Amino acid sequence: MTKKGRKSETKLQQWLNHFSERVDYSRFQRGMSLYNDHHVHGFQVFPNHFECQIEGLQDTYEVRGYYRLENGIPLLNDYEVVCSCPDEKPICKHGVCATMYFILNELTAEQNDTEDRVLRERSAQIEEPLKKLQQKVASQTSSILELHSFRGSRNIQNKDYIETVHTRVVSVMDELKKRQ
């Protein structure tokens, strides 16, 4: 994982730590249990909110989370979770469960997809053509230095020129190897 990915992960962890401070311990623990036991259903993400159903002990509850993202992280002061359960606290165990799903499954997956896409693009643009070039050079059976011995070659008649070209090719190949 890149340094940038680790930095974002740290910010998400910090966000979760601050979020957990807003919820009393028992509700947070029960919400984590619901999350770990896969009680989240029909999770949908929209540009500024998410919706899902949380399967509780007595019923299934509708949960909505409202957020505003900055650099891929929800702003805590603009984050709100609303649940259809009878709990009167601002954040119930179902809200904790939905929040954990949103942060750990949706936002983290989105960041990983972005990193994977960047790596795939880099591979397609740089690494794959470089490998093809290296394979092509490696598959050549004769050295540039040997070309002067072919009498049929009218283009290359000067041994000094051939050695100069050979030296340059070797230095370019060494440079390419260093870049990997």
N, C-alpha and C. Protein backbone atom coordinates (compact mmCIF):
# COMPACT_ATOMS: atom_id res chain seq x y z
N MET A 1 0.83 -1.17 0.00
CA MET A 1 0.00 0.00 0.00
C MET A 1 0.88 1.24 0.00
N THR A 2 0.47 2.28 -0.69
CA THR A 2 1.27 3.49 -0.79
C THR A 2 1.20 4.30 0.48
N LYS A 3 2.12 5.28 0.61
CA LYS A 3 2.07 6.16 1.77
C LYS A 3 0.76 6.91 1.82
N LYS A 4 0.27 7.33 0.67
CA LYS A 4 -0.99 8.06 0.61
C LYS A 4 -2.13 7.18 1.13
N GLY A 5 -2.14 5.90 0.75
CA GLY A 5 -3.17 4.98 1.24
C GLY A 5 -3.11 4.81 2.74
N ARG A 6 -1.90 4.71 3.30
CA ARG A 6 -1.75 4.58 4.74
C ARG A 6 -2.22 5.85 5.44
N LYS A 7 -1.94 6.99 4.85
CA LYS A 7 -2.35 8.26 5.44
C LYS A 7 -3.88 8.34 5.49
N SER A 8 -4.57 7.98 4.41
CA SER A 8 -6.02 7.99 4.38
C SER A 8 -6.58 6.99 5.38
N GLU A 9 -5.95 5.83 5.48
CA GLU A 9 -6.41 4.83 6.43
C GLU A 9 -6.31 5.37 7.85
N THR A 10 -5.25 6.08 8.14
CA THR A 10 -5.08 6.69 9.45
C THR A 10 -6.19 7.71 9.70
N LYS A 11 -6.52 8.51 8.69
CA LYS A 11 -7.59 9.49 8.84
C LYS A 11 -8.92 8.81 9.09
N LEU A 12 -9.18 7.70 8.39
CA LEU A 12 -10.42 6.96 8.64
C LEU A 12 -10.45 6.40 10.06
N GLN A 13 -9.31 5.89 10.51
CA GLN A 13 -9.24 5.36 11.88
C GLN A 13 -9.47 6.48 12.88
N GLN A 14 -8.88 7.64 12.64
CA GLN A 14 -9.09 8.78 13.52
C GLN A 14 -10.55 9.18 13.53
N TRP A 15 -11.17 9.16 12.35
CA TRP A 15 -12.58 9.50 12.25
C TRP A 15 -13.42 8.53 13.08
N LEU A 16 -13.13 7.24 12.94
CA LEU A 16 -13.88 6.24 13.71
C LEU A 16 -13.67 6.42 15.20
N ASN A 17 -12.47 6.77 15.61
CA ASN A 17 -12.22 7.01 17.04
C ASN A 17 -13.06 8.18 17.54
N HIS A 18 -13.11 9.27 16.78
CA HIS A 18 -13.92 10.43 17.18
C HIS A 18 -15.40 10.09 17.17
N PHE A 19 -15.82 9.32 16.17
CA PHE A 19 -17.23 8.90 16.10
C PHE A 19 -17.59 8.06 17.32
N SER A 20 -16.72 7.13 17.70
CA SER A 20 -17.04 6.25 18.84
C SER A 20 -17.16 7.03 20.14
N GLU A 21 -16.49 8.18 20.23
CA GLU A 21 -16.61 9.02 21.43
C GLU A 21 -17.99 9.65 21.55
N ARG A 22 -18.72 9.73 20.46
CA ARG A 22 -20.07 10.31 20.47
C ARG A 22 -21.15 9.31 20.93
N VAL A 23 -20.77 8.06 21.02
CA VAL A 23 -21.73 6.99 21.33
C VAL A 23 -21.34 6.35 22.66
N ASP A 24 -22.36 6.04 23.49
CA ASP A 24 -22.00 5.37 24.75
C ASP A 24 -21.48 3.96 24.45
N TYR A 25 -20.67 3.47 25.35
CA TYR A 25 -19.92 2.23 25.14
C TYR A 25 -20.82 1.04 24.80
N SER A 26 -21.91 0.85 25.53
CA SER A 26 -22.75 -0.34 25.31
C SER A 26 -23.42 -0.30 23.93
N ARG A 27 -23.89 0.87 23.51
CA ARG A 27 -24.49 0.98 22.17
C ARG A 27 -23.43 0.71 21.09
N PHE A 28 -22.23 1.24 21.32
CA PHE A 28 -21.17 1.03 20.33
C PHE A 28 -20.84 -0.46 20.23
N GLN A 29 -20.72 -1.14 21.35
CA GLN A 29 -20.42 -2.58 21.34
C GLN A 29 -21.52 -3.38 20.66
N ARG A 30 -22.77 -3.06 20.96
CA ARG A 30 -23.88 -3.79 20.32
C ARG A 30 -23.93 -3.49 18.82
N GLY A 31 -23.65 -2.26 18.44
CA GLY A 31 -23.61 -1.91 17.01
C GLY A 31 -22.50 -2.66 16.29
N MET A 32 -21.34 -2.78 16.94
CA MET A 32 -20.24 -3.54 16.36
C MET A 32 -20.61 -5.02 16.22
N SER A 33 -21.32 -5.54 17.19
CA SER A 33 -21.77 -6.95 17.11
C SER A 33 -22.71 -7.15 15.92
N LEU A 34 -23.64 -6.22 15.73
CA LEU A 34 -24.54 -6.31 14.57
C LEU A 34 -23.73 -6.26 13.27
N TYR A 35 -22.75 -5.37 13.22
CA TYR A 35 -21.91 -5.26 12.02
C TYR A 35 -21.13 -6.56 11.80
N ASN A 36 -20.49 -7.06 12.83
CA ASN A 36 -19.68 -8.28 12.71
C ASN A 36 -20.52 -9.50 12.36
N ASP A 37 -21.79 -9.50 12.77
CA ASP A 37 -22.69 -10.62 12.48
C ASP A 37 -23.45 -10.43 11.16
N HIS A 38 -23.06 -9.44 10.38
CA HIS A 38 -23.61 -9.20 9.03
C HIS A 38 -25.12 -8.93 9.04
N HIS A 39 -25.55 -8.00 9.87
CA HIS A 39 -26.97 -7.65 9.96
C HIS A 39 -27.33 -6.47 9.06
N VAL A 40 -26.42 -6.06 8.18
CA VAL A 40 -26.66 -4.93 7.27
C VAL A 40 -27.21 -5.50 5.95
N HIS A 41 -28.30 -4.90 5.48
CA HIS A 41 -28.91 -5.36 4.22
C HIS A 41 -29.26 -4.16 3.34
N GLY A 42 -29.17 -4.36 2.04
CA GLY A 42 -29.60 -3.36 1.07
C GLY A 42 -28.87 -2.03 1.19
N PHE A 43 -27.58 -2.06 1.46
CA PHE A 43 -26.83 -0.82 1.65
C PHE A 43 -26.67 -0.11 0.31
N GLN A 44 -27.08 1.16 0.26
CA GLN A 44 -26.96 1.96 -0.94
C GLN A 44 -26.30 3.29 -0.59
N VAL A 45 -25.34 3.69 -1.41
CA VAL A 45 -24.64 4.95 -1.19
C VAL A 45 -25.06 5.94 -2.26
N PHE A 46 -25.38 7.15 -1.81
CA PHE A 46 -25.75 8.25 -2.68
C PHE A 46 -24.74 9.38 -2.46
N PRO A 47 -24.77 10.43 -3.29
CA PRO A 47 -23.74 11.47 -3.16
C PRO A 47 -23.62 12.11 -1.78
N ASN A 48 -24.69 12.24 -1.04
CA ASN A 48 -24.59 12.87 0.27
C ASN A 48 -25.26 12.10 1.40
N HIS A 49 -25.67 10.88 1.11
CA HIS A 49 -26.25 10.05 2.17
C HIS A 49 -26.21 8.57 1.78
N PHE A 50 -26.48 7.72 2.77
CA PHE A 50 -26.62 6.29 2.51
C PHE A 50 -27.90 5.81 3.16
N GLU A 51 -28.39 4.68 2.66
CA GLU A 51 -29.60 4.06 3.20
C GLU A 51 -29.36 2.57 3.32
N CYS A 52 -29.92 1.97 4.36
CA CYS A 52 -29.82 0.52 4.51
C CYS A 52 -30.86 0.03 5.51
N GLN A 53 -30.93 -1.27 5.64
CA GLN A 53 -31.76 -1.90 6.66
C GLN A 53 -30.83 -2.66 7.59
N ILE A 54 -31.10 -2.53 8.89
CA ILE A 54 -30.34 -3.25 9.89
C ILE A 54 -31.28 -4.23 10.56
N GLU A 55 -30.92 -5.49 10.52
CA GLU A 55 -31.72 -6.53 11.14
C GLU A 55 -31.42 -6.54 12.64
N GLY A 56 -32.38 -6.06 13.41
CA GLY A 56 -32.23 -6.02 14.86
C GLY A 56 -32.75 -7.30 15.50
N LEU A 57 -32.76 -7.33 16.83
CA LEU A 57 -33.25 -8.50 17.54
C LEU A 57 -34.76 -8.64 17.42
N GLN A 58 -35.47 -7.51 17.39
CA GLN A 58 -36.93 -7.56 17.35
C GLN A 58 -37.54 -7.20 16.01
N ASP A 59 -36.81 -6.46 15.20
CA ASP A 59 -37.36 -5.98 13.94
C ASP A 59 -36.22 -5.57 13.00
N THR A 60 -36.58 -5.23 11.79
CA THR A 60 -35.61 -4.67 10.85
C THR A 60 -35.86 -3.17 10.78
N TYR A 61 -34.79 -2.38 10.92
CA TYR A 61 -34.92 -0.93 11.01
C TYR A 61 -34.28 -0.24 9.81
N GLU A 62 -34.90 0.84 9.38
CA GLU A 62 -34.40 1.66 8.29
C GLU A 62 -33.39 2.66 8.88
N VAL A 63 -32.22 2.72 8.27
CA VAL A 63 -31.19 3.65 8.74
C VAL A 63 -30.73 4.50 7.56
N ARG A 64 -30.60 5.80 7.83
CA ARG A 64 -30.05 6.73 6.85
C ARG A 64 -28.91 7.49 7.49
N GLY A 65 -27.85 7.67 6.72
CA GLY A 65 -26.72 8.46 7.19
C GLY A 65 -26.49 9.61 6.24
N TYR A 66 -26.37 10.81 6.79
CA TYR A 66 -26.15 12.01 5.99
C TYR A 66 -24.73 12.50 6.24
N TYR A 67 -24.02 12.80 5.16
CA TYR A 67 -22.61 13.17 5.30
C TYR A 67 -22.19 14.14 4.21
N ARG A 68 -21.04 14.74 4.43
CA ARG A 68 -20.36 15.55 3.42
C ARG A 68 -18.91 15.11 3.46
N LEU A 69 -18.39 14.70 2.31
CA LEU A 69 -17.02 14.19 2.24
C LEU A 69 -16.03 15.32 1.96
N GLU A 70 -14.86 15.19 2.58
CA GLU A 70 -13.73 16.06 2.27
C GLU A 70 -12.50 15.17 2.19
N ASN A 71 -11.90 15.11 1.00
CA ASN A 71 -10.75 14.23 0.75
C ASN A 71 -11.09 12.77 1.04
N GLY A 72 -12.30 12.35 0.71
CA GLY A 72 -12.69 10.96 0.88
C GLY A 72 -13.09 10.57 2.29
N ILE A 73 -13.14 11.54 3.22
CA ILE A 73 -13.48 11.28 4.62
C ILE A 73 -14.71 12.11 4.97
N PRO A 74 -15.72 11.51 5.64
CA PRO A 74 -16.88 12.31 6.05
C PRO A 74 -16.47 13.35 7.11
N LEU A 75 -17.03 14.53 7.00
CA LEU A 75 -16.80 15.54 8.04
C LEU A 75 -17.67 15.17 9.25
N LEU A 76 -17.05 14.98 10.38
CA LEU A 76 -17.75 14.49 11.57
C LEU A 76 -18.85 15.46 12.01
N ASN A 77 -18.60 16.75 11.92
CA ASN A 77 -19.62 17.72 12.35
C ASN A 77 -20.84 17.73 11.43
N ASP A 78 -20.68 17.26 10.20
CA ASP A 78 -21.78 17.21 9.24
C ASP A 78 -22.36 15.81 9.11
N TYR A 79 -21.95 14.89 9.97
CA TYR A 79 -22.40 13.50 9.88
C TYR A 79 -23.58 13.28 10.82
N GLU A 80 -24.64 12.68 10.29
CA GLU A 80 -25.83 12.41 11.09
C GLU A 80 -26.40 11.05 10.68
N VAL A 81 -26.83 10.29 11.67
CA VAL A 81 -27.44 8.99 11.41
C VAL A 81 -28.85 9.01 11.99
N VAL A 82 -29.82 8.59 11.19
CA VAL A 82 -31.22 8.55 11.61
C VAL A 82 -31.71 7.12 11.47
N CYS A 83 -32.36 6.62 12.53
CA CYS A 83 -32.84 5.23 12.52
C CYS A 83 -34.32 5.21 12.89
N SER A 84 -35.03 4.22 12.36
CA SER A 84 -36.47 4.09 12.64
C SER A 84 -36.75 3.34 13.94
N CYS A 85 -35.72 2.95 14.68
CA CYS A 85 -35.94 2.21 15.94
C CYS A 85 -36.43 3.17 17.04
N PRO A 86 -36.98 2.63 18.13
CA PRO A 86 -37.51 3.49 19.20
C PRO A 86 -36.46 4.12 20.12
N ASP A 87 -35.19 3.83 19.95
CA ASP A 87 -34.15 4.40 20.81
C ASP A 87 -34.14 5.92 20.66
N GLU A 88 -34.10 6.62 21.79
CA GLU A 88 -34.17 8.09 21.77
C GLU A 88 -32.80 8.75 21.69
N LYS A 89 -31.73 8.01 21.81
CA LYS A 89 -30.39 8.58 21.73
C LYS A 89 -30.10 9.04 20.30
N PRO A 90 -29.23 10.05 20.14
CA PRO A 90 -28.92 10.52 18.78
C PRO A 90 -28.31 9.44 17.88
N ILE A 91 -27.49 8.55 18.46
CA ILE A 91 -26.91 7.46 17.67
C ILE A 91 -27.19 6.14 18.39
N CYS A 92 -28.01 5.30 17.75
CA CYS A 92 -28.36 4.00 18.34
C CYS A 92 -27.39 2.93 17.83
N LYS A 93 -27.59 1.71 18.32
CA LYS A 93 -26.71 0.61 17.90
C LYS A 93 -26.85 0.34 16.40
N HIS A 94 -28.03 0.56 15.83
CA HIS A 94 -28.24 0.35 14.39
C HIS A 94 -27.48 1.41 13.59
N GLY A 95 -27.46 2.63 14.12
CA GLY A 95 -26.68 3.70 13.49
C GLY A 95 -25.19 3.41 13.53
N VAL A 96 -24.73 2.84 14.64
CA VAL A 96 -23.32 2.44 14.75
C VAL A 96 -23.01 1.37 13.71
N CYS A 97 -23.87 0.39 13.62
CA CYS A 97 -23.67 -0.71 12.67
C CYS A 97 -23.60 -0.18 11.23
N ALA A 98 -24.55 0.69 10.86
CA ALA A 98 -24.58 1.24 9.51
C ALA A 98 -23.33 2.10 9.25
N THR A 99 -22.93 2.86 10.25
CA THR A 99 -21.74 3.72 10.12
C THR A 99 -20.50 2.86 9.91
N MET A 100 -20.36 1.81 10.67
CA MET A 100 -19.20 0.93 10.52
C MET A 100 -19.18 0.32 9.11
N TYR A 101 -20.35 -0.08 8.63
CA TYR A 101 -20.43 -0.64 7.29
C TYR A 101 -20.02 0.41 6.26
N PHE A 102 -20.52 1.62 6.41
CA PHE A 102 -20.21 2.70 5.48
C PHE A 102 -18.71 2.98 5.44
N ILE A 103 -18.10 3.11 6.60
CA ILE A 103 -16.68 3.45 6.66
C ILE A 103 -15.81 2.26 6.22
N LEU A 104 -16.07 1.09 6.79
CA LEU A 104 -15.18 -0.05 6.57
C LEU A 104 -15.41 -0.77 5.25
N ASN A 105 -16.62 -0.75 4.74
CA ASN A 105 -16.91 -1.48 3.51
C ASN A 105 -16.98 -0.58 2.29
N GLU A 106 -17.61 0.58 2.43
CA GLU A 106 -17.82 1.44 1.26
C GLU A 106 -16.65 2.39 1.03
N LEU A 107 -16.28 3.17 2.02
CA LEU A 107 -15.21 4.15 1.82
C LEU A 107 -13.86 3.48 1.63
N THR A 108 -13.55 2.46 2.42
CA THR A 108 -12.28 1.77 2.30
C THR A 108 -12.19 1.07 0.95
N ALA A 109 -13.27 0.45 0.51
CA ALA A 109 -13.28 -0.23 -0.80
C ALA A 109 -13.08 0.78 -1.92
N GLU A 110 -13.67 1.96 -1.79
CA GLU A 110 -13.52 3.00 -2.81
C GLU A 110 -12.06 3.44 -2.91
N GLN A 111 -11.39 3.60 -1.76
CA GLN A 111 -9.98 3.99 -1.78
C GLN A 111 -9.13 2.89 -2.38
N ASN A 112 -9.40 1.65 -2.04
CA ASN A 112 -8.63 0.53 -2.60
C ASN A 112 -8.83 0.42 -4.11
N ASP A 113 -10.08 0.67 -4.58
CA ASP A 113 -10.35 0.64 -6.02
C ASP A 113 -9.56 1.71 -6.74
N THR A 114 -9.46 2.90 -6.13
CA THR A 114 -8.70 4.00 -6.73
C THR A 114 -7.23 3.63 -6.84
N GLU A 115 -6.66 3.07 -5.77
CA GLU A 115 -5.25 2.66 -5.79
C GLU A 115 -5.02 1.56 -6.82
N ASP A 116 -5.92 0.59 -6.89
CA ASP A 116 -5.79 -0.49 -7.87
C ASP A 116 -5.85 0.06 -9.29
N ARG A 117 -6.75 1.01 -9.54
CA ARG A 117 -6.89 1.60 -10.87
C ARG A 117 -5.60 2.33 -11.26
N VAL A 118 -5.03 3.09 -10.33
CA VAL A 118 -3.78 3.81 -10.61
C VAL A 118 -2.67 2.81 -10.94
N LEU A 119 -2.57 1.73 -10.17
CA LEU A 119 -1.54 0.72 -10.43
C LEU A 119 -1.75 0.04 -11.79
N ARG A 120 -3.00 -0.25 -12.13
CA ARG A 120 -3.29 -0.86 -13.44
C ARG A 120 -2.92 0.08 -14.59
N GLU A 121 -3.24 1.38 -14.42
CA GLU A 121 -2.90 2.35 -15.46
C GLU A 121 -1.39 2.48 -15.60
N ARG A 122 -0.69 2.51 -14.48
CA ARG A 122 0.77 2.61 -14.53
C ARG A 122 1.35 1.38 -15.23
N SER A 123 0.81 0.23 -14.89
CA SER A 123 1.30 -0.99 -15.51
C SER A 123 1.08 -0.95 -17.02
N ALA A 124 -0.09 -0.51 -17.44
CA ALA A 124 -0.40 -0.49 -18.87
C ALA A 124 0.46 0.53 -19.62
N GLN A 125 0.75 1.66 -18.99
CA GLN A 125 1.47 2.71 -19.69
C GLN A 125 2.98 2.58 -19.62
N ILE A 126 3.49 1.99 -18.55
CA ILE A 126 4.95 1.99 -18.37
C ILE A 126 5.52 0.57 -18.33
N GLU A 127 5.04 -0.21 -17.41
CA GLU A 127 5.68 -1.48 -17.12
C GLU A 127 5.50 -2.51 -18.24
N GLU A 128 4.32 -2.60 -18.83
CA GLU A 128 4.10 -3.58 -19.89
C GLU A 128 4.93 -3.28 -21.14
N PRO A 129 4.95 -2.03 -21.63
CA PRO A 129 5.83 -1.75 -22.78
C PRO A 129 7.30 -1.97 -22.46
N LEU A 130 7.71 -1.65 -21.24
CA LEU A 130 9.10 -1.87 -20.84
C LEU A 130 9.45 -3.36 -20.86
N LYS A 131 8.55 -4.19 -20.36
CA LYS A 131 8.78 -5.64 -20.37
C LYS A 131 8.89 -6.15 -21.80
N LYS A 132 8.02 -5.65 -22.68
CA LYS A 132 8.07 -6.07 -24.08
C LYS A 132 9.40 -5.69 -24.72
N LEU A 133 9.87 -4.48 -24.41
CA LEU A 133 11.16 -4.05 -24.94
C LEU A 133 12.29 -4.92 -24.41
N GLN A 134 12.27 -5.22 -23.13
CA GLN A 134 13.30 -6.07 -22.54
C GLN A 134 13.28 -7.47 -23.15
N GLN A 135 12.09 -8.02 -23.37
CA GLN A 135 11.98 -9.33 -23.99
C GLN A 135 12.52 -9.31 -25.42
N LYS A 136 12.22 -8.24 -26.12
CA LYS A 136 12.68 -8.12 -27.49
C LYS A 136 14.21 -8.04 -27.54
N VAL A 137 14.80 -7.25 -26.65
CA VAL A 137 16.25 -7.13 -26.60
C VAL A 137 16.87 -8.46 -26.20
N ALA A 138 16.29 -9.13 -25.20
CA ALA A 138 16.83 -10.40 -24.73
C ALA A 138 16.74 -11.50 -25.79
N SER A 139 15.75 -11.40 -26.66
CA SER A 139 15.57 -12.44 -27.68
C SER A 139 16.52 -12.28 -28.88
N GLN A 140 17.20 -11.17 -28.98
CA GLN A 140 18.13 -10.98 -30.08
C GLN A 140 19.31 -11.93 -29.92
N THR A 141 19.60 -12.69 -30.98
CA THR A 141 20.65 -13.70 -30.87
C THR A 141 22.03 -13.15 -31.16
N SER A 142 22.10 -12.04 -31.87
CA SER A 142 23.43 -11.51 -32.19
C SER A 142 23.62 -10.16 -31.53
N SER A 143 24.81 -9.90 -31.12
CA SER A 143 25.18 -8.64 -30.51
C SER A 143 25.39 -7.61 -31.60
N ILE A 144 25.25 -6.35 -31.25
CA ILE A 144 25.51 -5.28 -32.20
C ILE A 144 26.97 -5.34 -32.66
N LEU A 145 27.86 -5.77 -31.76
CA LEU A 145 29.28 -5.87 -32.12
C LEU A 145 29.52 -6.90 -33.22
N GLU A 146 28.66 -7.88 -33.34
CA GLU A 146 28.83 -8.92 -34.35
C GLU A 146 28.30 -8.50 -35.72
N LEU A 147 27.53 -7.42 -35.78
CA LEU A 147 26.93 -7.02 -37.04
C LEU A 147 27.96 -6.66 -38.11
N HIS A 148 29.09 -6.12 -37.69
CA HIS A 148 30.10 -5.73 -38.68
C HIS A 148 30.66 -6.93 -39.45
N SER A 149 30.52 -8.11 -38.90
CA SER A 149 31.05 -9.30 -39.58
C SER A 149 30.15 -9.76 -40.72
N PHE A 150 28.93 -9.27 -40.77
CA PHE A 150 28.03 -9.65 -41.86
C PHE A 150 28.36 -8.79 -43.09
N ARG A 151 28.86 -9.43 -44.12
CA ARG A 151 29.27 -8.71 -45.31
C ARG A 151 28.09 -8.11 -46.07
N GLY A 152 26.93 -8.72 -45.89
CA GLY A 152 25.76 -8.23 -46.62
C GLY A 152 25.22 -6.93 -46.06
N SER A 153 25.68 -6.53 -44.93
CA SER A 153 25.17 -5.31 -44.30
C SER A 153 25.89 -4.10 -44.88
N ARG A 154 25.19 -3.30 -45.65
CA ARG A 154 25.80 -2.11 -46.24
C ARG A 154 25.65 -0.91 -45.32
N ASN A 155 24.69 -0.99 -44.38
CA ASN A 155 24.42 0.15 -43.50
C ASN A 155 25.49 0.32 -42.43
N ILE A 156 26.06 -0.79 -41.98
CA ILE A 156 27.02 -0.71 -40.88
C ILE A 156 28.34 -1.26 -41.36
N GLN A 157 29.31 -0.37 -41.59
CA GLN A 157 30.62 -0.81 -42.07
C GLN A 157 31.73 -0.37 -41.14
N ASN A 158 31.43 0.49 -40.22
CA ASN A 158 32.47 1.04 -39.38
C ASN A 158 32.41 0.40 -37.99
N LYS A 159 33.46 -0.33 -37.64
CA LYS A 159 33.50 -1.03 -36.35
C LYS A 159 33.44 -0.04 -35.18
N ASP A 160 34.08 1.11 -35.29
CA ASP A 160 34.05 2.11 -34.21
C ASP A 160 32.62 2.60 -33.97
N TYR A 161 31.91 2.81 -35.06
CA TYR A 161 30.52 3.25 -34.96
C TYR A 161 29.67 2.19 -34.24
N ILE A 162 29.89 0.95 -34.61
CA ILE A 162 29.15 -0.16 -33.99
C ILE A 162 29.43 -0.20 -32.49
N GLU A 163 30.70 -0.06 -32.11
CA GLU A 163 31.04 -0.09 -30.68
C GLU A 163 30.41 1.08 -29.93
N THR A 164 30.35 2.24 -30.56
CA THR A 164 29.72 3.41 -29.94
C THR A 164 28.23 3.15 -29.72
N VAL A 165 27.58 2.61 -30.72
CA VAL A 165 26.16 2.28 -30.61
C VAL A 165 25.95 1.24 -29.52
N HIS A 166 26.79 0.23 -29.50
CA HIS A 166 26.68 -0.82 -28.50
C HIS A 166 26.80 -0.24 -27.09
N THR A 167 27.77 0.61 -26.88
CA THR A 167 27.96 1.23 -25.56
C THR A 167 26.72 2.03 -25.16
N ARG A 168 26.16 2.76 -26.09
CA ARG A 168 24.97 3.55 -25.80
C ARG A 168 23.79 2.65 -25.47
N VAL A 169 23.59 1.59 -26.21
CA VAL A 169 22.49 0.66 -25.95
C VAL A 169 22.64 0.04 -24.56
N VAL A 170 23.84 -0.37 -24.21
CA VAL A 170 24.10 -0.96 -22.89
C VAL A 170 23.78 0.05 -21.80
N SER A 171 24.17 1.32 -21.97
CA SER A 171 23.89 2.32 -20.94
C SER A 171 22.39 2.58 -20.81
N VAL A 172 21.66 2.59 -21.92
CA VAL A 172 20.21 2.76 -21.87
C VAL A 172 19.55 1.58 -21.16
N MET A 173 19.99 0.38 -21.44
CA MET A 173 19.43 -0.81 -20.78
C MET A 173 19.72 -0.78 -19.29
N ASP A 174 20.93 -0.36 -18.91
CA ASP A 174 21.26 -0.24 -17.49
C ASP A 174 20.35 0.78 -16.81
N GLU A 175 20.08 1.87 -17.47
CA GLU A 175 19.21 2.90 -16.92
C GLU A 175 17.79 2.37 -16.75
N LEU A 176 17.31 1.63 -17.73
CA LEU A 176 15.98 1.02 -17.63
C LEU A 176 15.89 0.05 -16.46
N LYS A 177 16.93 -0.73 -16.24
CA LYS A 177 16.95 -1.66 -15.12
C LYS A 177 16.92 -0.93 -13.79
N LYS A 178 17.62 0.20 -13.68
CA LYS A 178 17.62 0.99 -12.45
C LYS A 178 16.24 1.54 -12.14
N ARG A 179 15.49 1.91 -13.14
CA ARG A 179 14.16 2.49 -12.96
C ARG A 179 13.15 1.49 -12.42
N GLN A 180 13.40 0.22 -12.62
CA GLN A 180 12.48 -0.80 -12.13
C GLN A 180 12.65 -0.88 -10.68
